[in-house]
Each structure stands twice: as structure tokens, then as C-alpha cells.
Protein backbone atom coordinates (compact mmCIF):
# COMPACT_ATOMS: atom_id res chain seq x y z
CA MET A 1 102.17 74.59 92.88
CA ASP A 2 99.07 76.93 92.58
CA GLU A 3 100.59 78.35 96.03
CA GLN A 4 104.11 79.18 94.43
CA ARG A 5 102.61 80.74 91.84
CA SER A 6 100.27 83.17 93.62
CA ARG A 7 103.46 83.99 96.12
CA GLY A 8 104.68 87.75 95.19
CA GLN A 9 100.67 88.57 93.58
CA GLY A 10 100.28 91.81 92.79
CA VAL A 11 103.53 91.87 91.48
CA GLY A 12 102.62 92.31 87.66
CA MET A 13 101.54 93.65 84.13
CA GLY A 14 101.32 97.53 83.93
CA MET A 15 103.18 98.12 86.69
CA ASP A 16 106.72 99.75 87.06
CA LEU A 17 109.15 98.14 89.49
CA ALA A 18 113.21 98.11 89.61
CA TYR A 19 115.62 95.65 89.42
CA PHE A 20 118.80 96.15 91.19
CA THR A 21 122.01 94.63 92.97
CA VAL A 22 123.52 94.73 96.02
CA PRO A 23 125.41 92.45 98.55
CA GLY A 24 122.57 90.93 100.70
CA ASP A 25 119.70 90.55 102.35
CA ALA A 26 120.04 93.99 104.83
CA ASP A 27 121.43 96.42 101.90
CA ALA A 28 118.03 95.15 99.91
CA THR A 29 116.04 96.01 102.86
CA GLU A 30 117.50 99.62 102.82
CA ALA A 31 117.10 100.19 99.64
CA GLY A 32 114.07 99.05 99.18
CA ALA A 33 113.16 101.27 101.74
CA ARG A 34 114.44 104.47 101.03
CA PRO A 35 112.12 107.26 99.52
CA GLY A 36 111.71 106.41 95.84
CA GLY A 37 113.20 103.12 95.85
CA PRO A 38 116.34 101.53 95.28
CA LEU A 39 116.80 103.88 91.23
CA GLY A 40 115.40 106.88 93.21
CA TRP A 41 112.28 107.29 91.16
CA PRO A 42 110.42 110.98 92.86
CA TYR A 43 108.59 111.04 95.26
CA VAL A 44 106.27 113.64 96.74
CA THR A 45 107.78 115.29 99.52
CA GLY A 46 104.46 117.93 100.35
CA GLN A 47 102.56 120.48 98.95
CA ARG A 48 103.19 124.22 97.66
CA ARG A 49 100.88 126.84 97.16
CA VAL A 50 100.54 128.43 92.93
CA GLY A 51 97.41 130.22 93.82
CA LEU A 52 95.17 131.75 95.60
CA PHE A 53 92.86 128.05 95.60
CA ARG A 54 95.05 125.75 93.68
CA ARG A 55 98.48 123.53 95.00
CA GLU A 56 100.84 121.60 93.30
CA PRO A 57 103.06 118.78 95.45
CA MET A 58 106.48 119.46 95.32
CA MET A 59 108.96 115.97 94.53
CA ALA A 60 112.40 115.45 94.97
CA GLU A 61 114.59 112.67 93.99
CA LEU A 62 117.13 110.87 95.71
CA GLY A 63 119.54 109.30 92.86
CA PRO A 64 120.04 105.66 92.31
CA ALA A 65 121.49 104.79 95.65
CA CYS A 66 122.21 100.92 93.43
CA PRO A 67 123.04 99.65 90.56
CA GLY A 68 119.42 98.30 88.47
CA PHE A 69 117.10 99.47 85.46
CA THR A 70 113.39 99.70 86.03
CA ALA A 71 111.12 97.68 83.50
CA ARG A 72 107.70 97.39 83.30
CA GLY A 73 105.49 94.67 84.36
CA TYR A 74 108.15 91.93 84.30
CA GLU A 75 106.97 90.73 87.52
CA PRO A 76 110.52 88.63 89.35
CA THR A 77 108.76 86.12 90.66
CA VAL A 78 106.36 83.51 87.78
CA LEU A 79 107.47 84.87 84.88
CA LEU A 80 111.22 84.54 86.02
CA ALA A 81 110.45 81.28 87.21
CA THR A 82 110.04 80.60 84.17
CA LEU A 83 112.53 82.06 82.26
CA GLU A 84 114.99 80.28 84.47
CA GLN A 85 113.94 77.43 83.94
CA LEU A 86 115.01 77.93 80.24
CA LEU A 87 117.72 78.71 81.20
CA THR A 88 118.66 75.68 83.33
CA GLY A 89 116.84 73.17 82.84
CA ARG A 90 115.30 73.23 86.42
CA PRO A 91 111.68 72.26 87.20
CA PHE A 92 109.47 75.40 87.45
CA ASP A 93 109.05 72.96 90.97
CA GLU A 94 112.25 73.58 91.96
CA VAL A 95 112.59 76.76 90.68
CA THR A 96 109.91 77.48 92.79
CA ALA A 97 110.94 75.93 95.83
CA ASP A 98 114.59 77.29 95.92
CA PRO A 99 114.44 79.97 99.27
CA ARG A 100 115.77 83.36 97.86
CA TRP A 101 113.01 82.65 94.56
CA GLY A 102 110.57 85.69 95.48
CA ALA A 103 111.81 85.70 98.56
CA ASP A 104 110.64 89.02 101.04
CA PRO A 105 114.25 90.26 102.52
CA SER A 106 113.20 92.17 105.55
CA PRO A 107 113.01 91.09 108.44
CA ASP A 108 109.97 93.16 109.59
CA ALA A 109 106.28 90.50 108.28
CA ASP A 110 104.21 93.53 109.56
CA GLU A 111 105.26 96.45 106.71
CA ASP A 112 103.31 98.61 104.34
CA LYS A 113 103.70 95.99 101.45
CA SER A 114 102.18 98.78 98.81
CA ARG A 115 106.02 98.54 98.22
CA GLY A 116 108.94 96.07 99.14
CA VAL A 117 111.83 94.32 98.06
CA VAL A 118 111.76 90.41 96.46
CA SER A 119 114.54 88.90 96.24
CA LEU A 120 116.03 86.90 92.70
CA THR A 121 117.80 83.24 92.94
CA ASP A 122 120.89 83.05 93.57
CA SER A 123 121.19 80.25 90.01
CA LEU A 124 119.27 82.81 87.80
CA ARG A 125 121.53 85.17 88.37
CA ASP A 126 124.15 82.84 87.46
CA ALA A 127 123.16 81.11 84.55
CA LEU A 128 121.78 85.08 83.07
CA ALA A 129 125.55 86.22 83.88
CA ALA A 130 127.07 83.21 81.28
CA VAL A 131 124.27 83.82 78.92
CA SER A 132 126.23 84.47 75.68
CA ASP A 133 124.03 86.83 73.04
CA ALA A 134 123.28 84.23 70.85
CA GLN A 135 121.87 82.03 73.59
CA LEU A 136 119.97 84.69 74.85
CA ALA A 137 118.29 85.65 72.36
CA GLU A 138 117.21 81.68 71.65
CA VAL A 139 116.01 81.84 75.09
CA ALA A 140 113.69 85.54 74.22
CA GLY A 141 112.44 83.89 71.43
CA ARG A 142 111.23 80.88 73.38
CA TRP A 143 110.42 82.70 76.79
CA SER A 144 108.59 84.59 74.38
CA ARG A 145 105.85 81.36 73.60
CA THR A 146 105.47 80.57 77.12
CA GLU A 147 102.23 80.31 78.39
CA GLU A 148 102.92 83.33 81.16
CA LEU A 149 103.79 85.61 77.63
CA GLN A 150 101.26 84.29 75.26
CA GLN A 151 98.87 86.43 78.08
CA ASP A 152 96.20 89.86 76.85
CA GLY A 153 98.65 91.84 78.26
CA TRP A 154 102.10 90.61 76.56
CA LYS A 155 100.61 90.44 72.96
CA ASP A 156 102.38 92.89 71.41
CA VAL A 157 104.80 92.82 72.83
CA SER A 158 107.69 91.88 70.39
CA VAL A 159 111.07 88.83 71.21
CA GLU A 160 113.13 91.85 70.43
CA ASP A 161 111.34 93.77 73.72
CA HIS A 162 111.62 90.70 75.30
CA ALA A 163 115.45 90.27 74.78
CA GLU A 164 115.94 93.86 75.64
CA PHE A 165 114.21 93.32 79.05
CA LEU A 166 117.15 90.14 79.52
CA ARG A 167 120.39 92.53 78.20
CA ARG A 168 119.02 94.34 80.78
CA LEU A 169 118.86 91.78 83.46
CA ARG A 170 122.11 90.24 81.95
CA ASP A 171 123.77 92.98 82.08
CA LEU A 172 123.34 93.16 85.88
CA ALA A 173 123.06 89.73 87.29
CA ARG A 174 127.11 90.14 85.42
CA GLN A 175 127.87 93.19 87.69
CA ALA A 176 126.99 91.65 90.52
CA THR A 177 128.72 88.06 89.90
CA THR A 178 132.05 90.89 89.01
CA ALA A 179 131.07 93.31 91.77
CA GLY A 180 134.72 92.21 94.59
CA HIS A 181 135.22 90.15 96.52
CA HIS A 182 131.50 88.19 97.27
CA LEU A 183 128.21 87.90 94.56
CA HIS A 184 126.02 89.94 94.81
CA HIS A 185 122.52 89.27 94.54
CA LEU A 186 119.72 90.34 92.42
CA TYR A 187 116.15 91.71 93.50
CA CYS A 188 113.01 93.59 92.78
CA TYR A 189 111.87 96.32 94.25
CA TYR A 190 107.90 97.46 93.44
CA GLU A 191 105.16 99.94 94.39
CA LEU A 192 101.26 99.15 94.36
């Protein structure tokens, strides 16, 4: 289990993450490779002179390529495996054995790992899409008391803040399950 818990290490607290949905792994890889990622975060395109000895960065933003939202610190591997365990009753080891759990959808294993995309399980997507407001509030309370969310960086985060993240993730899961003829998958984009 230690190897499973370390998969996705470096994707965690204090980091800006983007959760998004697209039809498949090729689309996720393409969205993650865009400047600014799948949601089009601002990125530096160069420098311009603003004085004799001063330069400033020139910024650009492509805009979103797919439905999604940003979330600070809610890493997609251990935290969401624990969430899935609470939602579905699947044991943690079974969740982390799922081939989609924290998997890199990119076929190029040698690429720069300072940014990337990992997949979420389809069973988490389906469980989130089906959860009611009352169930979500109850799960948010239980999730906030888990060992992972009782660590230092999370102690000041309220149950309502956790519930808000879960509402946004649930809404995205619902979009993924009603996106047309085929179910879409959920992914998380990160930049170190």
C-alpha cells in the first residue's frame, strides 16, 4: 500500500490543480499539453522592455479547452481514493488497484513531469454523479475526519469547504456522465 499511496507523490497540498472532463486519454493528454493547461491558466510567452533596464513578462491565456474547475491542494490520488472508499464502500486497496487510479494517460513516459495529467477512476465518477446533496454533506463530514485530512495543512479547512469541493467535483462528474453518446472520464491536471 505504501507504493500505492506514493503514486502521484508531489501532487498535493498547496498546489493548484485543475479537475476536468474529456472523452478519453488522448483528449486529456492534448488538454494537458496546452499552454496554461486544460483550463487555460495564464502563462508567460516572453519578455518586454518597460524601461531602460527593466523587463516584465508578457502573459497570454488561451481560455478553457474543456469543462472543469481549479482546486487548491485536493490531490487526486490518496485523498480521492479515500473519498471513493467512503462513497462506494470499496476497500482502499481495491480503489488503488484500479488501472485508472492516478494513471498517466500520456503515452510518452519520458516527458517532463513538472506538469501532467492523472486520471480518476470511473467508479468515483459514477458514485459522485449519483450522490444527493444530503449524502454529499454527510460524506464531506466523514471525509474531513479521515487521517489524510487531519494532517497539518488541512486542520483549518472547514467541512463546508470540503463539501464545496465535493459539490464542484460532483457537478463535473454529472457533466461527464451526460456528455453525449459516450461517458467522459475525469482527470486532474497539475503543475509543480
